[in-house]
Amino acid sequence: MNAEAIGNVLAPVNATLNLTSFILLMAGLTYIRRGDRDAHRRCMLGAVTASGVFLVLYVTRFALTGTHRFAGPDAARTFYLGILFSHMILAVVVLPLVLRLLWFAKQERFVEHRRLARWTFPVWAYVSLTGLAVYVMLYHVYGYV
């Protein structure tokens, strides 16, 4: 199996990990609103795990195949690049925020955890969903060159 074939296998796996992270984030939010801290914790640790595995596999795919050229029309390309760039910037921003949330939770500093989570959660959810959107646009709607 060559690098391109491995990259083509990793791309849908990464999209699935983004979707998994998003679903677990939504479930975690639902559980904490219901007051079920244990279920919230499990969901959030699952979301962190899915996002962490995604990061490792994404870097692996990128190292093997590099970037892909978007093959859609210019109007769609502009939309795609807007989503892609916002996704990339916020993915970099969200990582230290998530790590800080984990640290607050581990230290049982739930007031600080809750305060930071109000900002981190929507960014993390956006990054997870836009990662999936980038994949769908690049691999399924328009293909890549």
N, C-alpha and C. Protein backbone atom coordinates (compact mmCIF):
# COMPACT_ATOMS: atom_id res chain seq x y z
N MET A 1 0.86 -1.18 0.00
CA MET A 1 0.00 0.00 0.00
C MET A 1 0.90 1.24 0.00
N ASN A 2 0.68 2.13 -0.96
CA ASN A 2 1.50 3.33 -1.05
C ASN A 2 0.93 4.45 -0.16
N ALA A 3 1.68 5.57 -0.09
CA ALA A 3 1.30 6.68 0.79
C ALA A 3 -0.07 7.25 0.42
N GLU A 4 -0.34 7.38 -0.85
CA GLU A 4 -1.64 7.94 -1.29
C GLU A 4 -2.79 7.04 -0.85
N ALA A 5 -2.62 5.74 -0.97
CA ALA A 5 -3.66 4.79 -0.56
C ALA A 5 -3.88 4.86 0.95
N ILE A 6 -2.80 4.96 1.70
CA ILE A 6 -2.94 5.09 3.16
C ILE A 6 -3.67 6.38 3.50
N GLY A 7 -3.29 7.46 2.83
CA GLY A 7 -3.97 8.75 3.04
C GLY A 7 -5.45 8.67 2.73
N ASN A 8 -5.80 7.94 1.68
CA ASN A 8 -7.21 7.80 1.31
C ASN A 8 -7.98 6.94 2.31
N VAL A 9 -7.31 6.06 3.02
CA VAL A 9 -7.95 5.29 4.09
C VAL A 9 -8.10 6.15 5.33
N LEU A 10 -7.07 6.95 5.63
CA LEU A 10 -7.10 7.77 6.84
C LEU A 10 -8.12 8.91 6.77
N ALA A 11 -8.37 9.45 5.60
CA ALA A 11 -9.28 10.59 5.47
C ALA A 11 -10.68 10.29 6.02
N PRO A 12 -11.35 9.20 5.62
CA PRO A 12 -12.67 8.93 6.19
C PRO A 12 -12.61 8.53 7.67
N VAL A 13 -11.51 7.92 8.08
CA VAL A 13 -11.35 7.61 9.51
C VAL A 13 -11.31 8.92 10.30
N ASN A 14 -10.56 9.88 9.80
CA ASN A 14 -10.48 11.18 10.48
C ASN A 14 -11.84 11.89 10.50
N ALA A 15 -12.58 11.80 9.42
CA ALA A 15 -13.91 12.40 9.39
C ALA A 15 -14.81 11.74 10.43
N THR A 16 -14.71 10.44 10.55
CA THR A 16 -15.50 9.70 11.55
C THR A 16 -15.11 10.12 12.96
N LEU A 17 -13.82 10.34 13.18
CA LEU A 17 -13.37 10.79 14.50
C LEU A 17 -13.90 12.19 14.81
N ASN A 18 -13.94 13.07 13.82
CA ASN A 18 -14.52 14.39 14.03
C ASN A 18 -16.01 14.29 14.38
N LEU A 19 -16.72 13.45 13.65
CA LEU A 19 -18.15 13.26 13.93
C LEU A 19 -18.34 12.66 15.32
N THR A 20 -17.53 11.69 15.67
CA THR A 20 -17.61 11.06 17.00
C THR A 20 -17.38 12.10 18.09
N SER A 21 -16.37 12.92 17.91
CA SER A 21 -16.09 13.97 18.89
C SER A 21 -17.29 14.90 19.04
N PHE A 22 -17.88 15.31 17.92
CA PHE A 22 -19.04 16.21 17.98
C PHE A 22 -20.21 15.56 18.71
N ILE A 23 -20.51 14.32 18.39
CA ILE A 23 -21.62 13.62 19.04
C ILE A 23 -21.38 13.49 20.54
N LEU A 24 -20.15 13.15 20.91
CA LEU A 24 -19.83 13.03 22.34
C LEU A 24 -19.88 14.39 23.04
N LEU A 25 -19.49 15.44 22.36
CA LEU A 25 -19.61 16.79 22.93
C LEU A 25 -21.06 17.13 23.22
N MET A 26 -21.92 16.86 22.26
CA MET A 26 -23.35 17.15 22.43
C MET A 26 -23.95 16.30 23.56
N ALA A 27 -23.57 15.04 23.61
CA ALA A 27 -24.06 14.17 24.68
C ALA A 27 -23.55 14.66 26.03
N GLY A 28 -22.27 15.04 26.07
CA GLY A 28 -21.70 15.55 27.32
C GLY A 28 -22.41 16.80 27.80
N LEU A 29 -22.74 17.68 26.88
CA LEU A 29 -23.49 18.88 27.24
C LEU A 29 -24.87 18.51 27.80
N THR A 30 -25.52 17.59 27.16
CA THR A 30 -26.84 17.14 27.62
C THR A 30 -26.74 16.57 29.03
N TYR A 31 -25.74 15.73 29.25
CA TYR A 31 -25.60 15.10 30.57
C TYR A 31 -25.29 16.11 31.66
N ILE A 32 -24.43 17.07 31.41
CA ILE A 32 -24.10 18.03 32.47
C ILE A 32 -25.29 18.93 32.76
N ARG A 33 -26.10 19.22 31.74
CA ARG A 33 -27.31 20.02 31.98
C ARG A 33 -28.33 19.26 32.81
N ARG A 34 -28.29 17.93 32.72
CA ARG A 34 -29.17 17.08 33.54
C ARG A 34 -28.59 16.81 34.92
N GLY A 35 -27.34 17.24 35.13
CA GLY A 35 -26.69 17.03 36.42
C GLY A 35 -25.99 15.69 36.56
N ASP A 36 -25.81 14.98 35.47
CA ASP A 36 -25.15 13.67 35.51
C ASP A 36 -23.66 13.85 35.20
N ARG A 37 -22.89 14.14 36.25
CA ARG A 37 -21.46 14.42 36.08
C ARG A 37 -20.68 13.21 35.57
N ASP A 38 -21.04 12.02 36.02
CA ASP A 38 -20.31 10.83 35.58
C ASP A 38 -20.46 10.60 34.08
N ALA A 39 -21.68 10.68 33.59
CA ALA A 39 -21.91 10.50 32.15
C ALA A 39 -21.24 11.63 31.36
N HIS A 40 -21.31 12.85 31.89
CA HIS A 40 -20.64 14.00 31.26
C HIS A 40 -19.14 13.73 31.15
N ARG A 41 -18.54 13.29 32.23
CA ARG A 41 -17.11 13.02 32.25
C ARG A 41 -16.74 11.96 31.21
N ARG A 42 -17.51 10.89 31.16
CA ARG A 42 -17.23 9.82 30.18
C ARG A 42 -17.33 10.34 28.74
N CYS A 43 -18.36 11.11 28.47
CA CYS A 43 -18.52 11.66 27.12
C CYS A 43 -17.38 12.61 26.77
N MET A 44 -17.01 13.46 27.70
CA MET A 44 -15.97 14.43 27.40
C MET A 44 -14.61 13.76 27.25
N LEU A 45 -14.34 12.75 28.04
CA LEU A 45 -13.09 12.00 27.87
C LEU A 45 -13.10 11.26 26.54
N GLY A 46 -14.26 10.77 26.13
CA GLY A 46 -14.38 10.16 24.81
C GLY A 46 -14.13 11.16 23.70
N ALA A 47 -14.66 12.37 23.85
CA ALA A 47 -14.45 13.43 22.86
C ALA A 47 -12.98 13.81 22.78
N VAL A 48 -12.33 13.91 23.93
CA VAL A 48 -10.89 14.21 23.96
C VAL A 48 -10.11 13.09 23.27
N THR A 49 -10.47 11.86 23.56
CA THR A 49 -9.79 10.72 22.94
C THR A 49 -9.98 10.72 21.43
N ALA A 50 -11.21 10.91 20.97
CA ALA A 50 -11.48 10.95 19.53
C ALA A 50 -10.70 12.09 18.87
N SER A 51 -10.67 13.24 19.51
CA SER A 51 -9.94 14.39 18.95
C SER A 51 -8.44 14.13 18.96
N GLY A 52 -7.95 13.51 20.01
CA GLY A 52 -6.52 13.20 20.09
C GLY A 52 -6.08 12.20 19.04
N VAL A 53 -6.87 11.14 18.86
CA VAL A 53 -6.57 10.15 17.82
C VAL A 53 -6.65 10.81 16.45
N PHE A 54 -7.66 11.67 16.25
CA PHE A 54 -7.76 12.42 15.00
C PHE A 54 -6.47 13.18 14.73
N LEU A 55 -5.98 13.91 15.73
CA LEU A 55 -4.79 14.73 15.54
C LEU A 55 -3.59 13.88 15.10
N VAL A 56 -3.40 12.76 15.76
CA VAL A 56 -2.28 11.87 15.39
C VAL A 56 -2.45 11.35 13.96
N LEU A 57 -3.64 10.91 13.62
CA LEU A 57 -3.87 10.36 12.28
C LEU A 57 -3.85 11.45 11.21
N TYR A 58 -4.31 12.65 11.56
CA TYR A 58 -4.26 13.75 10.59
C TYR A 58 -2.82 14.11 10.27
N VAL A 59 -1.99 14.23 11.30
CA VAL A 59 -0.58 14.55 11.07
C VAL A 59 0.07 13.44 10.24
N THR A 60 -0.28 12.19 10.52
CA THR A 60 0.23 11.07 9.74
C THR A 60 -0.19 11.18 8.29
N ARG A 61 -1.48 11.43 8.05
CA ARG A 61 -1.97 11.58 6.68
C ARG A 61 -1.29 12.74 5.97
N PHE A 62 -1.15 13.85 6.65
CA PHE A 62 -0.52 15.03 6.06
C PHE A 62 0.94 14.74 5.72
N ALA A 63 1.64 14.04 6.61
CA ALA A 63 3.04 13.70 6.35
C ALA A 63 3.16 12.78 5.12
N LEU A 64 2.18 11.91 4.95
CA LEU A 64 2.23 10.97 3.82
C LEU A 64 1.82 11.58 2.50
N THR A 65 0.79 12.44 2.51
CA THR A 65 0.21 12.90 1.24
C THR A 65 0.24 14.41 1.05
N GLY A 66 0.57 15.18 2.08
CA GLY A 66 0.58 16.64 1.94
C GLY A 66 -0.82 17.21 1.83
N THR A 67 -0.89 18.40 1.28
CA THR A 67 -2.19 19.05 1.12
C THR A 67 -2.85 18.58 -0.16
N HIS A 68 -4.14 18.78 -0.24
CA HIS A 68 -4.89 18.42 -1.44
C HIS A 68 -5.47 19.68 -2.05
N ARG A 69 -5.47 19.73 -3.34
CA ARG A 69 -6.01 20.89 -4.06
C ARG A 69 -7.51 20.71 -4.22
N PHE A 70 -8.26 21.76 -3.86
CA PHE A 70 -9.71 21.76 -4.00
C PHE A 70 -10.07 21.88 -5.47
N ALA A 71 -10.95 21.01 -5.96
CA ALA A 71 -11.25 20.94 -7.39
C ALA A 71 -12.58 21.59 -7.78
N GLY A 72 -13.24 22.23 -6.83
CA GLY A 72 -14.53 22.83 -7.13
C GLY A 72 -14.41 24.17 -7.82
N PRO A 73 -15.55 24.75 -8.22
CA PRO A 73 -15.55 26.07 -8.86
C PRO A 73 -15.11 27.16 -7.89
N ASP A 74 -14.77 28.31 -8.44
CA ASP A 74 -14.22 29.40 -7.63
C ASP A 74 -15.12 29.83 -6.48
N ALA A 75 -16.42 29.92 -6.71
CA ALA A 75 -17.34 30.33 -5.65
C ALA A 75 -17.33 29.31 -4.51
N ALA A 76 -17.35 28.05 -4.86
CA ALA A 76 -17.29 27.00 -3.84
C ALA A 76 -15.93 26.98 -3.16
N ARG A 77 -14.89 27.26 -3.94
CA ARG A 77 -13.53 27.29 -3.38
C ARG A 77 -13.41 28.36 -2.31
N THR A 78 -13.99 29.52 -2.56
CA THR A 78 -13.96 30.61 -1.58
C THR A 78 -14.67 30.18 -0.29
N PHE A 79 -15.82 29.57 -0.44
CA PHE A 79 -16.57 29.07 0.72
C PHE A 79 -15.76 27.99 1.46
N TYR A 80 -15.20 27.05 0.69
CA TYR A 80 -14.38 25.97 1.26
C TYR A 80 -13.19 26.54 2.03
N LEU A 81 -12.48 27.48 1.43
CA LEU A 81 -11.30 28.04 2.09
C LEU A 81 -11.68 28.82 3.35
N GLY A 82 -12.83 29.48 3.33
CA GLY A 82 -13.30 30.16 4.53
C GLY A 82 -13.53 29.18 5.68
N ILE A 83 -14.17 28.08 5.36
CA ILE A 83 -14.40 27.05 6.38
C ILE A 83 -13.07 26.44 6.81
N LEU A 84 -12.22 26.12 5.85
CA LEU A 84 -10.94 25.49 6.16
C LEU A 84 -10.07 26.37 7.05
N PHE A 85 -9.93 27.64 6.70
CA PHE A 85 -9.06 28.52 7.48
C PHE A 85 -9.62 28.78 8.87
N SER A 86 -10.92 28.97 8.98
CA SER A 86 -11.49 29.17 10.32
C SER A 86 -11.33 27.89 11.15
N HIS A 87 -11.49 26.74 10.50
CA HIS A 87 -11.30 25.45 11.18
C HIS A 87 -9.86 25.32 11.69
N MET A 88 -8.89 25.62 10.83
CA MET A 88 -7.49 25.47 11.21
C MET A 88 -7.09 26.41 12.35
N ILE A 89 -7.49 27.64 12.26
CA ILE A 89 -7.14 28.62 13.29
C ILE A 89 -7.77 28.23 14.63
N LEU A 90 -9.05 27.90 14.60
CA LEU A 90 -9.73 27.55 15.85
C LEU A 90 -9.26 26.21 16.41
N ALA A 91 -8.82 25.29 15.54
CA ALA A 91 -8.28 24.02 16.03
C ALA A 91 -7.01 24.26 16.84
N VAL A 92 -6.20 25.20 16.41
CA VAL A 92 -4.98 25.55 17.15
C VAL A 92 -5.35 26.22 18.47
N VAL A 93 -6.35 27.08 18.43
CA VAL A 93 -6.78 27.81 19.64
C VAL A 93 -7.41 26.87 20.66
N VAL A 94 -8.19 25.89 20.22
CA VAL A 94 -8.97 25.07 21.13
C VAL A 94 -8.10 24.06 21.91
N LEU A 95 -7.00 23.64 21.34
CA LEU A 95 -6.19 22.62 22.00
C LEU A 95 -5.75 23.02 23.41
N PRO A 96 -5.11 24.18 23.61
CA PRO A 96 -4.74 24.52 24.99
C PRO A 96 -5.95 24.76 25.90
N LEU A 97 -7.06 25.21 25.32
CA LEU A 97 -8.27 25.41 26.12
C LEU A 97 -8.80 24.08 26.64
N VAL A 98 -8.82 23.07 25.79
CA VAL A 98 -9.28 21.74 26.20
C VAL A 98 -8.35 21.17 27.26
N LEU A 99 -7.06 21.33 27.06
CA LEU A 99 -6.10 20.84 28.07
C LEU A 99 -6.31 21.54 29.41
N ARG A 100 -6.59 22.82 29.37
CA ARG A 100 -6.85 23.56 30.61
C ARG A 100 -8.15 23.07 31.27
N LEU A 101 -9.18 22.81 30.46
CA LEU A 101 -10.42 22.26 31.00
C LEU A 101 -10.18 20.93 31.71
N LEU A 102 -9.39 20.08 31.08
CA LEU A 102 -9.06 18.78 31.70
C LEU A 102 -8.34 18.98 33.02
N TRP A 103 -7.42 19.92 33.05
CA TRP A 103 -6.68 20.20 34.27
C TRP A 103 -7.61 20.71 35.37
N PHE A 104 -8.49 21.66 35.03
CA PHE A 104 -9.46 22.16 36.01
C PHE A 104 -10.32 21.02 36.56
N ALA A 105 -10.79 20.15 35.69
CA ALA A 105 -11.63 19.03 36.12
C ALA A 105 -10.84 18.10 37.03
N LYS A 106 -9.62 17.80 36.65
CA LYS A 106 -8.77 16.91 37.47
C LYS A 106 -8.52 17.51 38.85
N GLN A 107 -8.37 18.81 38.92
CA GLN A 107 -8.14 19.51 40.18
C GLN A 107 -9.45 19.78 40.95
N GLU A 108 -10.57 19.36 40.34
CA GLU A 108 -11.90 19.60 40.91
C GLU A 108 -12.18 21.10 41.10
N ARG A 109 -11.68 21.88 40.18
CA ARG A 109 -11.93 23.33 40.17
C ARG A 109 -13.07 23.59 39.17
N PHE A 110 -14.26 23.20 39.60
CA PHE A 110 -15.39 23.17 38.69
C PHE A 110 -15.94 24.56 38.35
N VAL A 111 -15.75 25.54 39.20
CA VAL A 111 -16.19 26.91 38.87
C VAL A 111 -15.38 27.42 37.68
N GLU A 112 -14.05 27.27 37.75
CA GLU A 112 -13.20 27.69 36.64
C GLU A 112 -13.45 26.83 35.39
N HIS A 113 -13.64 25.53 35.61
CA HIS A 113 -13.94 24.62 34.50
C HIS A 113 -15.19 25.06 33.76
N ARG A 114 -16.24 25.33 34.51
CA ARG A 114 -17.51 25.74 33.91
C ARG A 114 -17.35 27.07 33.15
N ARG A 115 -16.64 28.02 33.75
CA ARG A 115 -16.45 29.33 33.13
C ARG A 115 -15.70 29.19 31.80
N LEU A 116 -14.63 28.41 31.78
CA LEU A 116 -13.86 28.22 30.55
C LEU A 116 -14.62 27.38 29.53
N ALA A 117 -15.37 26.40 30.00
CA ALA A 117 -16.13 25.51 29.10
C ALA A 117 -17.17 26.29 28.30
N ARG A 118 -17.71 27.34 28.86
CA ARG A 118 -18.71 28.15 28.14
C ARG A 118 -18.12 28.76 26.86
N TRP A 119 -16.82 29.01 26.85
CA TRP A 119 -16.14 29.55 25.68
C TRP A 119 -15.56 28.43 24.81
N THR A 120 -15.03 27.42 25.46
CA THR A 120 -14.33 26.35 24.75
C THR A 120 -15.30 25.44 24.00
N PHE A 121 -16.40 25.10 24.63
CA PHE A 121 -17.34 24.15 24.04
C PHE A 121 -17.79 24.53 22.62
N PRO A 122 -18.28 25.75 22.40
CA PRO A 122 -18.74 26.07 21.05
C PRO A 122 -17.60 26.07 20.03
N VAL A 123 -16.42 26.45 20.45
CA VAL A 123 -15.28 26.44 19.53
C VAL A 123 -14.93 25.00 19.16
N TRP A 124 -14.88 24.13 20.16
CA TRP A 124 -14.56 22.72 19.93
C TRP A 124 -15.62 22.06 19.04
N ALA A 125 -16.88 22.35 19.31
CA ALA A 125 -17.96 21.79 18.49
C ALA A 125 -17.83 22.29 17.05
N TYR A 126 -17.53 23.57 16.88
CA TYR A 126 -17.36 24.15 15.54
C TYR A 126 -16.19 23.47 14.82
N VAL A 127 -15.09 23.28 15.51
CA VAL A 127 -13.92 22.64 14.90
C VAL A 127 -14.26 21.21 14.48
N SER A 128 -14.98 20.49 15.31
CA SER A 128 -15.36 19.11 14.96
C SER A 128 -16.26 19.08 13.74
N LEU A 129 -17.26 19.94 13.71
CA LEU A 129 -18.20 19.96 12.58
C LEU A 129 -17.56 20.46 11.29
N THR A 130 -16.74 21.51 11.40
CA THR A 130 -16.11 22.02 10.18
C THR A 130 -15.06 21.06 9.65
N GLY A 131 -14.44 20.28 10.53
CA GLY A 131 -13.53 19.23 10.05
C GLY A 131 -14.27 18.24 9.17
N LEU A 132 -15.45 17.87 9.60
CA LEU A 132 -16.29 16.97 8.81
C LEU A 132 -16.72 17.64 7.50
N ALA A 133 -17.10 18.90 7.58
CA ALA A 133 -17.52 19.63 6.37
C ALA A 133 -16.39 19.73 5.35
N VAL A 134 -15.18 20.01 5.81
CA VAL A 134 -14.02 20.09 4.92
C VAL A 134 -13.82 18.75 4.23
N TYR A 135 -13.91 17.66 4.97
CA TYR A 135 -13.75 16.33 4.39
C TYR A 135 -14.81 16.08 3.31
N VAL A 136 -16.06 16.35 3.63
CA VAL A 136 -17.15 16.09 2.69
C VAL A 136 -16.96 16.92 1.42
N MET A 137 -16.63 18.20 1.59
CA MET A 137 -16.45 19.05 0.41
C MET A 137 -15.24 18.60 -0.41
N LEU A 138 -14.16 18.25 0.24
CA LEU A 138 -12.94 17.91 -0.47
C LEU A 138 -12.99 16.54 -1.12
N TYR A 139 -13.55 15.56 -0.45
CA TYR A 139 -13.51 14.19 -0.95
C TYR A 139 -14.79 13.72 -1.64
N HIS A 140 -15.92 14.33 -1.31
CA HIS A 140 -17.18 13.79 -1.83
C HIS A 140 -17.94 14.76 -2.75
N VAL A 141 -17.98 16.01 -2.41
CA VAL A 141 -18.76 16.94 -3.22
C VAL A 141 -17.98 17.33 -4.49
N TYR A 142 -16.74 17.73 -4.32
CA TYR A 142 -15.95 18.22 -5.46
C TYR A 142 -14.75 17.36 -5.82
N GLY A 143 -14.33 16.51 -4.92
CA GLY A 143 -13.11 15.75 -5.18
C GLY A 143 -11.91 16.66 -5.08
N TYR A 144 -10.74 16.10 -5.16
CA TYR A 144 -9.53 16.90 -5.11
C TYR A 144 -8.61 16.47 -6.23
N VAL A 145 -7.66 17.35 -6.52
CA VAL A 145 -6.71 17.10 -7.61
C VAL A 145 -5.37 16.74 -7.01
